[in-house]
Amino acid sequence: MTAGAAVAGDPAGIEVSMNQAKIIKLARAADTVVVGEPKIADVTVKDSSTIVLTGKGFGVTNLVILDKEGAPIVDEQVFVRRSHVKSVRVYRRSQVQTMSCTPYCEAEFRNEAVAASEAAMAASN
């Protein structure tokens, strides 16, 4: 993804899956990179024109990237969602388990955000 043209004009914002990373190429060199809520998304700066955005927790936050003069390069919403690719959710009464099926189904890695989400889903059943 190239920021500037692709990100700045995208009304949907930036989508990244939980526990996944997305490379963002910037139109010009960045000086300041800020994520509104680091528990939802994290940023690693590879170089002045490349950042890596990682989904850490479910939800919405924002990403602001400024150049040396303080002008915005990126000012977008970031949506962190569960990836539904090759996954299955199993509901057993009050228990919810997500399986990663690549190609055989095995229990998916659960960080704190995934565990909290599954507990909330189980409580609502």
C-alpha atoms as a PDB file:
ATOM      1  CA  MET A   1       0.000   0.000   0.000  1.00  0.00           C
ATOM      2  CA  THR A   2       1.293   3.435  -0.878  1.00  0.00           C
ATOM      3  CA  ALA A   3       0.259   6.268   1.399  1.00  0.00           C
ATOM      4  CA  GLY A   4      -0.598   9.601  -0.037  1.00  0.00           C
ATOM      5  CA  ALA A   5      -2.702   8.616  -3.029  1.00  0.00           C
ATOM      6  CA  ALA A   6      -4.017   5.266  -1.792  1.00  0.00           C
ATOM      7  CA  VAL A   7      -4.433   6.046   1.900  1.00  0.00           C
ATOM      8  CA  ALA A   8      -5.288   9.751   1.969  1.00  0.00           C
ATOM      9  CA  GLY A   9      -8.185   9.384  -0.482  1.00  0.00           C
ATOM     10  CA  ASP A  10      -9.571   6.145   0.961  1.00  0.00           C
ATOM     11  CA  PRO A  11     -12.779   6.915   2.903  1.00  0.00           C
ATOM     12  CA  ALA A  12     -12.740   3.426   4.415  1.00  0.00           C
ATOM     13  CA  GLY A  13      -9.437   4.052   6.203  1.00  0.00           C
ATOM     14  CA  ILE A  14      -6.809   1.380   6.671  1.00  0.00           C
ATOM     15  CA  GLU A  15      -7.837  -2.175   7.478  1.00  0.00           C
ATOM     16  CA  VAL A  16      -5.464  -4.627   9.104  1.00  0.00           C
ATOM     17  CA  SER A  17      -6.225  -8.069  10.517  1.00  0.00           C
ATOM     18  CA  MET A  18      -5.531  -9.010  14.107  1.00  0.00           C
ATOM     19  CA  ASN A  19      -1.986 -10.382  14.572  1.00  0.00           C
ATOM     20  CA  GLN A  20      -1.119  -9.402  10.992  1.00  0.00           C
ATOM     21  CA  ALA A  21       1.178  -6.719   9.611  1.00  0.00           C
ATOM     22  CA  LYS A  22       0.673  -4.390   6.660  1.00  0.00           C
ATOM     23  CA  ILE A  23       3.494  -2.542   4.890  1.00  0.00           C
ATOM     24  CA  ILE A  24       2.725   1.093   4.100  1.00  0.00           C
ATOM     25  CA  LYS A  25       4.932   2.985   1.646  1.00  0.00           C
ATOM     26  CA  LEU A  26       4.813   6.750   2.083  1.00  0.00           C
ATOM     27  CA  ALA A  27       4.770   9.326  -0.706  1.00  0.00           C
ATOM     28  CA  ARG A  28       7.435  11.364   1.119  1.00  0.00           C
ATOM     29  CA  ALA A  29       9.735  11.001   4.122  1.00  0.00           C
ATOM     30  CA  ALA A  30       8.101  10.786   7.552  1.00  0.00           C
ATOM     31  CA  ASP A  31       9.380  12.598  10.616  1.00  0.00           C
ATOM     32  CA  THR A  32       6.666  11.822  13.192  1.00  0.00           C
ATOM     33  CA  VAL A  33       4.478   8.697  13.441  1.00  0.00           C
ATOM     34  CA  VAL A  34       1.650   8.483  15.991  1.00  0.00           C
ATOM     35  CA  VAL A  35      -0.947   5.767  16.680  1.00  0.00           C
ATOM     36  CA  GLY A  36      -3.930   6.906  18.734  1.00  0.00           C
ATOM     37  CA  GLU A  37      -4.294   3.679  20.756  1.00  0.00           C
ATOM     38  CA  PRO A  38      -1.225   1.412  20.770  1.00  0.00           C
ATOM     39  CA  LYS A  39      -3.249  -1.484  22.246  1.00  0.00           C
ATOM     40  CA  ILE A  40      -5.221  -1.631  18.974  1.00  0.00           C
ATOM     41  CA  ALA A  41      -2.428  -1.054  16.432  1.00  0.00           C
ATOM     42  CA  ASP A  42       1.329  -0.683  16.554  1.00  0.00           C
ATOM     43  CA  VAL A  43       3.732   0.881  14.072  1.00  0.00           C
ATOM     44  CA  THR A  44       7.317  -0.043  13.302  1.00  0.00           C
ATOM     45  CA  VAL A  45       9.322   2.439  11.252  1.00  0.00           C
ATOM     46  CA  LYS A  46      11.517   0.575   8.762  1.00  0.00           C
ATOM     47  CA  ASP A  47      12.873   3.745   7.149  1.00  0.00           C
ATOM     48  CA  SER A  48      11.630   7.291   6.516  1.00  0.00           C
ATOM     49  CA  SER A  49       9.297   6.161   3.734  1.00  0.00           C
ATOM     50  CA  THR A  50       8.240   2.684   4.931  1.00  0.00           C
ATOM     51  CA  ILE A  51       6.246   1.758   8.019  1.00  0.00           C
ATOM     52  CA  VAL A  52       4.770  -1.543   9.163  1.00  0.00           C
ATOM     53  CA  LEU A  53       1.337  -1.410  10.810  1.00  0.00           C
ATOM     54  CA  THR A  54       0.414  -4.372  13.050  1.00  0.00           C
ATOM     55  CA  GLY A  55      -3.043  -5.235  14.399  1.00  0.00           C
ATOM     56  CA  LYS A  56      -2.761  -5.753  18.171  1.00  0.00           C
ATOM     57  CA  GLY A  57      -6.359  -5.562  19.431  1.00  0.00           C
ATOM     58  CA  PHE A  58      -9.837  -5.375  17.928  1.00  0.00           C
ATOM     59  CA  GLY A  59     -11.234  -1.918  17.331  1.00  0.00           C
ATOM     60  CA  VAL A  60     -10.660   1.429  15.686  1.00  0.00           C
ATOM     61  CA  THR A  61      -7.825   3.879  16.237  1.00  0.00           C
ATOM     62  CA  ASN A  62      -6.070   6.403  14.052  1.00  0.00           C
ATOM     63  CA  LEU A  63      -2.682   6.788  12.404  1.00  0.00           C
ATOM     64  CA  VAL A  64      -1.050  10.186  11.923  1.00  0.00           C
ATOM     65  CA  ILE A  65       2.202  10.569   9.999  1.00  0.00           C
ATOM     66  CA  LEU A  66       3.791  13.996   9.594  1.00  0.00           C
ATOM     67  CA  ASP A  67       6.701  15.153   7.448  1.00  0.00           C
ATOM     68  CA  LYS A  68       9.634  17.265   8.681  1.00  0.00           C
ATOM     69  CA  GLU A  69       7.620  20.497   8.302  1.00  0.00           C
ATOM     70  CA  GLY A  70       4.695  19.057  10.288  1.00  0.00           C
ATOM     71  CA  ALA A  71       2.448  18.610   7.262  1.00  0.00           C
ATOM     72  CA  PRO A  72       0.295  15.447   7.323  1.00  0.00           C
ATOM     73  CA  ILE A  73       1.280  12.591   5.031  1.00  0.00           C
ATOM     74  CA  VAL A  74      -1.319  10.226   6.525  1.00  0.00           C
ATOM     75  CA  ASP A  75      -4.229  11.014   8.855  1.00  0.00           C
ATOM     76  CA  GLU A  76      -6.511   7.975   8.708  1.00  0.00           C
ATOM     77  CA  GLN A  77      -8.691   5.686  10.782  1.00  0.00           C
ATOM     78  CA  VAL A  78      -7.239   2.206  11.361  1.00  0.00           C
ATOM     79  CA  PHE A  79      -9.661  -0.721  11.670  1.00  0.00           C
ATOM     80  CA  VAL A  80      -8.333  -3.910  13.270  1.00  0.00           C
ATOM     81  CA  ARG A  81     -10.568  -6.871  12.567  1.00  0.00           C
ATOM     82  CA  ARG A  82     -10.541 -10.614  12.900  1.00  0.00           C
ATOM     83  CA  SER A  83      -9.319 -12.441   9.821  1.00  0.00           C
ATOM     84  CA  HIS A  84     -11.944 -14.846   8.524  1.00  0.00           C
ATOM     85  CA  VAL A  85      -9.663 -16.423   5.933  1.00  0.00           C
ATOM     86  CA  LYS A  86      -9.311 -20.149   6.551  1.00  0.00           C
ATOM     87  CA  SER A  87     -10.792 -19.959  10.036  1.00  0.00           C
ATOM     88  CA  VAL A  88     -13.789 -21.495  11.766  1.00  0.00           C
ATOM     89  CA  ARG A  89     -15.464 -20.560  15.041  1.00  0.00           C
ATOM     90  CA  VAL A  90     -16.768 -23.397  17.208  1.00  0.00           C
ATOM     91  CA  TYR A  91     -19.465 -22.610  19.800  1.00  0.00           C
ATOM     92  CA  ARG A  92     -19.966 -25.060  22.679  1.00  0.00           C
ATOM     93  CA  ARG A  93     -22.554 -23.663  25.077  1.00  0.00           C
ATOM     94  CA  SER A  94     -20.650 -20.825  26.778  1.00  0.00           C
ATOM     95  CA  GLN A  95     -17.295 -21.557  25.127  1.00  0.00           C
ATOM     96  CA  VAL A  96     -16.091 -20.092  21.853  1.00  0.00           C
ATOM     97  CA  GLN A  97     -13.002 -21.374  20.079  1.00  0.00           C
ATOM     98  CA  THR A  98     -11.507 -20.108  16.842  1.00  0.00           C
ATOM     99  CA  MET A  99      -9.742 -22.662  14.686  1.00  0.00           C
ATOM    100  CA  SER A 100      -7.159 -21.887  12.019  1.00  0.00           C
ATOM    101  CA  CYS A 101      -7.635 -24.298   9.125  1.00  0.00           C
ATOM    102  CA  THR A 102      -4.452 -24.262   7.022  1.00  0.00           C
ATOM    103  CA  PRO A 103      -5.208 -26.992   5.858  1.00  0.00           C
ATOM    104  CA  TYR A 104      -5.926 -28.874   9.115  1.00  0.00           C
ATOM    105  CA  CYS A 105      -7.946 -27.132  11.811  1.00  0.00           C
ATOM    106  CA  GLU A 106      -5.989 -26.295  14.945  1.00  0.00           C
ATOM    107  CA  ALA A 107      -6.646 -23.896  17.811  1.00  0.00           C
ATOM    108  CA  GLU A 108      -5.769 -20.362  16.765  1.00  0.00           C
ATOM    109  CA  PHE A 109      -3.157 -18.333  18.671  1.00  0.00           C
ATOM    110  CA  ARG A 110      -4.923 -16.310  21.373  1.00  0.00           C
ATOM    111  CA  ASN A 111      -3.485 -13.079  22.662  1.00  0.00           C
ATOM    112  CA  GLU A 112      -5.254 -11.022  25.365  1.00  0.00           C
ATOM    113  CA  ALA A 113      -7.488  -9.215  22.869  1.00  0.00           C
ATOM    114  CA  VAL A 114      -8.663 -12.464  21.255  1.00  0.00           C
ATOM    115  CA  ALA A 115      -9.329 -14.065  24.652  1.00  0.00           C
ATOM    116  CA  ALA A 116     -11.344 -11.018  25.790  1.00  0.00           C
ATOM    117  CA  SER A 117     -13.350 -11.013  22.544  1.00  0.00           C
ATOM    118  CA  GLU A 118     -14.152 -14.719  22.821  1.00  0.00           C
ATOM    119  CA  ALA A 119     -15.153 -14.302  26.485  1.00  0.00           C
ATOM    120  CA  ALA A 120     -17.522 -11.466  25.541  1.00  0.00           C
ATOM    121  CA  MET A 121     -19.064 -13.548  22.729  1.00  0.00           C
ATOM    122  CA  ALA A 122     -19.521 -16.505  25.094  1.00  0.00           C
ATOM    123  CA  ALA A 123     -21.166 -14.295  27.723  1.00  0.00           C
ATOM    124  CA  SER A 124     -23.694 -12.998  25.192  1.00  0.00           C
ATOM    125  CA  ASN A 125     -24.824 -16.535  24.216  1.00  0.00           C
END
